[in-house]
Amino acid sequence: MNWKALVAAVVVLAVVGLMALTEVGREYATLLGKGAGSLIGYISKNFLVKLYPANPFNFELTANGEALYGQTFSLSNSNLTISGQSPSISMDGRVLNLNAGNVEIEMSGDGEFVFTTEGRVRLNVNAKVFRFNDMSTSDVRVETEIIPTAFAFNNVKKDLINVTSASGVVTETFDSTVKSVTFTQKNLEIDMFSGAVQLANETTKLSGTATSIKVDGKSV
């Protein structure tokens, strides 16, 4: 046997062996058995989409207040205002007990916020500016959990918002084309969200950009 042919055979066998040992390889083998169309679809979904992500478009979402329960968002140079009730606030580790008193908070900074499954807002923020009721300070780490009556946060990001039982209306604007979809108790997926989140009158509003929005698995 020609030595080049022998080397090629060894390489092929090695690749086949690796494919058999990895999940991705097994998927490739399965798709090859189904035909070129299936393989091309797999490559497009798993690789080309990541290499060439969809262009972001503007959108607005108005939904029930519970729609975002259980979601965690990142904050980057964000401005935040929130009112509600809180048991305590931690500032650089120093805890101020509030006994579930009313709070009015304004701050700007980086960190994250969690909309808990119980409907509370948990904040963990490195605040450049922090105003709480009649107090004001700067460059402080703030941690608190609030039962909100209203809030407004900007410069909020999340790679994937995936919620169930959402009800409301979403409006997309793409290349001057406007589309609106009204939905009730549906699954909602939003990819690569960047923008603002608000809560007022028990209604949640998102506005900003995304690369994909799906209701019950179907693109808006």
Protein backbone atom coordinates (compact mmCIF):
# COMPACT_ATOMS: atom_id res chain seq x y z
CA MET A 1 0.00 0.00 0.00
CA ASN A 2 1.23 3.48 -0.85
CA TRP A 3 2.42 5.25 2.33
CA LYS A 4 0.30 8.31 1.58
CA ALA A 5 -2.78 6.14 1.30
CA LEU A 6 -1.84 4.45 4.58
CA VAL A 7 -1.54 7.81 6.36
CA ALA A 8 -4.88 8.93 4.93
CA ALA A 9 -6.54 5.73 6.14
CA VAL A 10 -5.14 6.21 9.64
CA VAL A 11 -6.38 9.82 9.74
CA VAL A 12 -9.85 8.79 8.59
CA LEU A 13 -10.05 6.05 11.21
CA ALA A 14 -8.90 8.48 13.91
CA VAL A 15 -11.56 11.01 12.94
CA VAL A 16 -14.24 8.32 12.91
CA GLY A 17 -13.09 7.19 16.34
CA LEU A 18 -13.30 10.72 17.72
CA MET A 19 -16.73 11.17 16.24
CA ALA A 20 -17.90 8.03 17.99
CA LEU A 21 -16.56 9.30 21.33
CA THR A 22 -18.08 12.78 21.29
CA GLU A 23 -21.67 13.96 21.36
CA VAL A 24 -21.10 16.39 18.48
CA GLY A 25 -19.44 13.63 16.45
CA ARG A 26 -22.33 11.27 16.99
CA GLU A 27 -24.72 14.02 15.84
CA TYR A 28 -22.65 14.48 12.68
CA ALA A 29 -22.69 10.74 11.99
CA THR A 30 -26.44 10.57 12.47
CA LEU A 31 -27.02 13.53 10.19
CA LEU A 32 -24.72 12.11 7.51
CA GLY A 33 -26.88 9.01 7.54
CA LYS A 34 -29.97 11.16 7.01
CA GLY A 35 -28.48 13.04 4.08
CA ALA A 36 -26.71 16.28 3.19
CA GLY A 37 -29.74 18.46 3.90
CA SER A 38 -29.85 17.49 7.55
CA LEU A 39 -26.12 18.01 7.95
CA ILE A 40 -26.24 21.45 6.33
CA GLY A 41 -29.11 22.45 8.61
CA TYR A 42 -27.16 21.33 11.68
CA ILE A 43 -24.05 23.26 10.65
CA SER A 44 -26.12 26.37 9.93
CA LYS A 45 -27.87 26.20 13.30
CA ASN A 46 -24.85 25.40 15.47
CA PHE A 47 -21.97 27.16 13.77
CA LEU A 48 -22.96 29.72 11.15
CA VAL A 49 -25.47 31.39 13.49
CA LYS A 50 -22.73 31.81 16.08
CA LEU A 51 -20.22 33.10 13.54
CA TYR A 52 -22.72 35.45 11.88
CA PRO A 53 -25.32 36.43 14.49
CA ALA A 54 -28.55 38.08 13.40
CA ASN A 55 -28.71 41.85 13.25
CA PRO A 56 -30.44 43.43 16.25
CA PHE A 57 -33.78 45.18 15.77
CA ASN A 58 -35.79 47.52 17.97
CA PHE A 59 -38.76 46.25 19.94
CA GLU A 60 -41.13 47.01 22.78
CA LEU A 61 -42.81 44.46 25.01
CA THR A 62 -45.65 45.11 27.42
CA ALA A 63 -46.57 42.10 29.54
CA ASN A 64 -48.06 40.95 32.81
CA GLY A 65 -46.02 41.83 35.88
CA GLU A 66 -45.17 38.17 36.53
CA ALA A 67 -43.73 37.59 33.05
CA LEU A 68 -40.10 38.15 34.09
CA TYR A 69 -40.19 36.31 37.42
CA GLY A 70 -37.08 34.16 37.85
CA GLN A 71 -34.92 36.14 35.39
CA THR A 72 -31.44 37.54 36.11
CA PHE A 73 -30.15 40.59 34.23
CA SER A 74 -26.75 42.28 34.06
CA LEU A 75 -26.31 46.01 34.61
CA SER A 76 -23.58 48.09 32.99
CA ASN A 77 -23.30 51.81 33.72
CA SER A 78 -27.02 51.64 34.46
CA ASN A 79 -29.34 54.19 36.01
CA LEU A 80 -31.82 52.66 38.44
CA THR A 81 -34.84 53.98 40.30
CA ILE A 82 -37.03 51.73 42.43
CA SER A 83 -39.69 52.13 45.09
CA GLY A 84 -41.26 49.54 47.35
CA GLN A 85 -40.69 47.81 50.66
CA SER A 86 -37.44 46.30 51.90
CA PRO A 87 -36.36 44.57 55.14
CA SER A 88 -32.78 45.85 54.90
CA ILE A 89 -30.07 47.41 52.78
CA SER A 90 -26.39 46.43 52.87
CA MET A 91 -23.84 49.13 51.99
CA ASP A 92 -20.27 47.83 51.84
CA GLY A 93 -21.32 45.08 54.23
CA ARG A 94 -22.94 47.38 56.76
CA VAL A 95 -26.58 46.35 57.14
CA LEU A 96 -29.30 48.90 57.75
CA ASN A 97 -32.48 47.22 59.05
CA LEU A 98 -35.65 48.77 57.69
CA ASN A 99 -38.32 46.42 59.07
CA ALA A 100 -40.00 46.17 55.67
CA GLY A 101 -40.27 49.94 55.48
CA ASN A 102 -40.94 51.96 52.35
CA VAL A 103 -37.89 52.84 50.28
CA GLU A 104 -37.13 55.17 47.39
CA ILE A 105 -33.78 54.35 45.76
CA GLU A 106 -31.84 55.97 42.94
CA MET A 107 -28.40 54.84 41.88
CA SER A 108 -26.08 54.29 38.94
CA GLY A 109 -23.47 51.59 38.49
CA ASP A 110 -22.65 48.03 37.44
CA GLY A 111 -23.89 44.69 38.73
CA GLU A 112 -27.00 42.58 38.37
CA PHE A 113 -30.60 42.37 39.37
CA VAL A 114 -32.78 39.33 39.85
CA PHE A 115 -36.55 39.32 39.48
CA THR A 116 -37.21 36.47 41.91
CA THR A 117 -39.90 33.86 41.48
CA GLU A 118 -41.74 35.54 44.38
CA GLY A 119 -41.82 38.88 42.58
CA ARG A 120 -39.08 40.60 44.57
CA VAL A 121 -36.20 42.53 43.02
CA ARG A 122 -32.78 41.55 44.33
CA LEU A 123 -30.06 44.12 43.59
CA ASN A 124 -26.31 43.64 43.78
CA VAL A 125 -24.69 46.81 42.45
CA ASN A 126 -21.36 48.59 42.63
CA ALA A 127 -22.93 52.03 42.81
CA LYS A 128 -21.10 55.12 41.67
CA VAL A 129 -23.91 57.24 43.08
CA PHE A 130 -26.47 56.00 45.62
CA ARG A 131 -29.47 57.86 47.02
CA PHE A 132 -31.74 56.22 49.55
CA ASN A 133 -34.67 58.21 50.93
CA ASP A 134 -32.89 61.32 52.31
CA MET A 135 -29.39 59.82 52.28
CA SER A 136 -26.79 60.16 49.53
CA THR A 137 -23.36 58.58 49.07
CA SER A 138 -21.02 57.36 46.32
CA ASP A 139 -18.72 54.46 45.42
CA VAL A 140 -20.50 51.90 47.56
CA ARG A 141 -21.54 48.28 47.05
CA VAL A 142 -25.29 47.99 47.54
CA GLU A 143 -27.17 44.77 48.20
CA THR A 144 -30.87 44.69 48.92
CA GLU A 145 -34.11 42.87 48.16
CA ILE A 146 -37.25 44.89 47.53
CA ILE A 147 -40.92 44.14 47.04
CA PRO A 148 -41.37 46.67 44.23
CA THR A 149 -44.27 48.93 43.48
CA ALA A 150 -42.41 50.48 40.53
CA PHE A 151 -38.94 50.54 39.00
CA ALA A 152 -37.07 51.70 35.91
CA PHE A 153 -33.61 50.39 34.94
CA ASN A 154 -31.65 51.17 31.77
CA ASN A 155 -28.53 49.64 30.15
CA VAL A 156 -29.82 46.18 31.03
CA LYS A 157 -28.63 43.07 29.19
CA LYS A 158 -29.49 39.38 29.02
CA ASP A 159 -28.42 36.83 26.40
CA LEU A 160 -31.65 34.83 26.60
CA ILE A 161 -34.97 35.66 28.21
CA ASN A 162 -37.05 32.49 28.30
CA VAL A 163 -40.34 32.69 30.18
CA THR A 164 -43.60 30.77 30.30
CA SER A 165 -47.16 31.96 30.76
CA ALA A 166 -46.49 35.48 29.47
CA SER A 167 -49.37 37.65 28.30
CA GLY A 168 -49.11 40.96 26.49
CA VAL A 169 -48.10 42.55 23.21
CA VAL A 170 -44.73 42.77 21.47
CA THR A 171 -43.93 45.21 18.69
CA GLU A 172 -40.89 44.81 16.43
CA THR A 173 -39.42 47.50 14.19
CA PHE A 174 -37.00 46.26 11.52
CA ASP A 175 -36.00 48.22 8.41
CA SER A 176 -39.02 50.53 8.87
CA THR A 177 -41.32 47.51 9.03
CA VAL A 178 -43.46 47.33 12.18
CA LYS A 179 -45.04 44.07 13.38
CA SER A 180 -47.13 43.54 16.50
CA VAL A 181 -48.26 40.31 18.11
CA THR A 182 -50.68 39.96 21.01
CA PHE A 183 -50.41 36.79 23.08
CA THR A 184 -51.97 35.22 26.18
CA GLN A 185 -50.34 32.64 28.48
CA LYS A 186 -47.61 31.81 25.94
CA ASN A 187 -43.93 30.88 26.06
CA LEU A 188 -41.72 33.83 25.19
CA GLU A 189 -38.07 33.82 24.06
CA ILE A 190 -35.97 36.94 23.49
CA ASP A 191 -32.37 36.59 22.29
CA MET A 192 -29.59 39.10 23.05
CA PHE A 193 -31.73 41.68 24.83
CA SER A 194 -30.21 45.10 25.49
CA GLY A 195 -32.25 48.02 26.73
CA ALA A 196 -34.53 49.13 29.54
CA VAL A 197 -36.82 47.30 31.96
CA GLN A 198 -39.72 48.94 33.77
CA LEU A 199 -42.46 47.94 36.17
CA ALA A 200 -45.49 50.16 36.73
CA ASN A 201 -49.09 49.41 37.67
CA GLU A 202 -48.23 45.68 37.83
CA THR A 203 -47.20 45.76 34.18
CA THR A 204 -43.73 44.93 32.88
CA LYS A 205 -42.25 46.79 29.93
CA LEU A 206 -39.08 45.99 27.99
CA SER A 207 -37.74 48.29 25.30
CA GLY A 208 -34.50 48.13 23.38
CA THR A 209 -32.96 45.71 20.89
CA ALA A 210 -32.93 41.95 20.35
CA THR A 211 -31.82 39.55 17.63
CA SER A 212 -34.81 37.21 17.85
CA ILE A 213 -38.23 37.10 19.51
CA LYS A 214 -40.36 33.97 19.53
CA VAL A 215 -43.82 33.31 20.92
CA ASP A 216 -44.49 29.62 21.46
CA GLY A 217 -41.47 28.83 19.29
CA LYS A 218 -42.58 30.95 16.33
CA SER A 219 -40.75 34.13 15.30
CA VAL A 220 -42.76 37.30 15.63
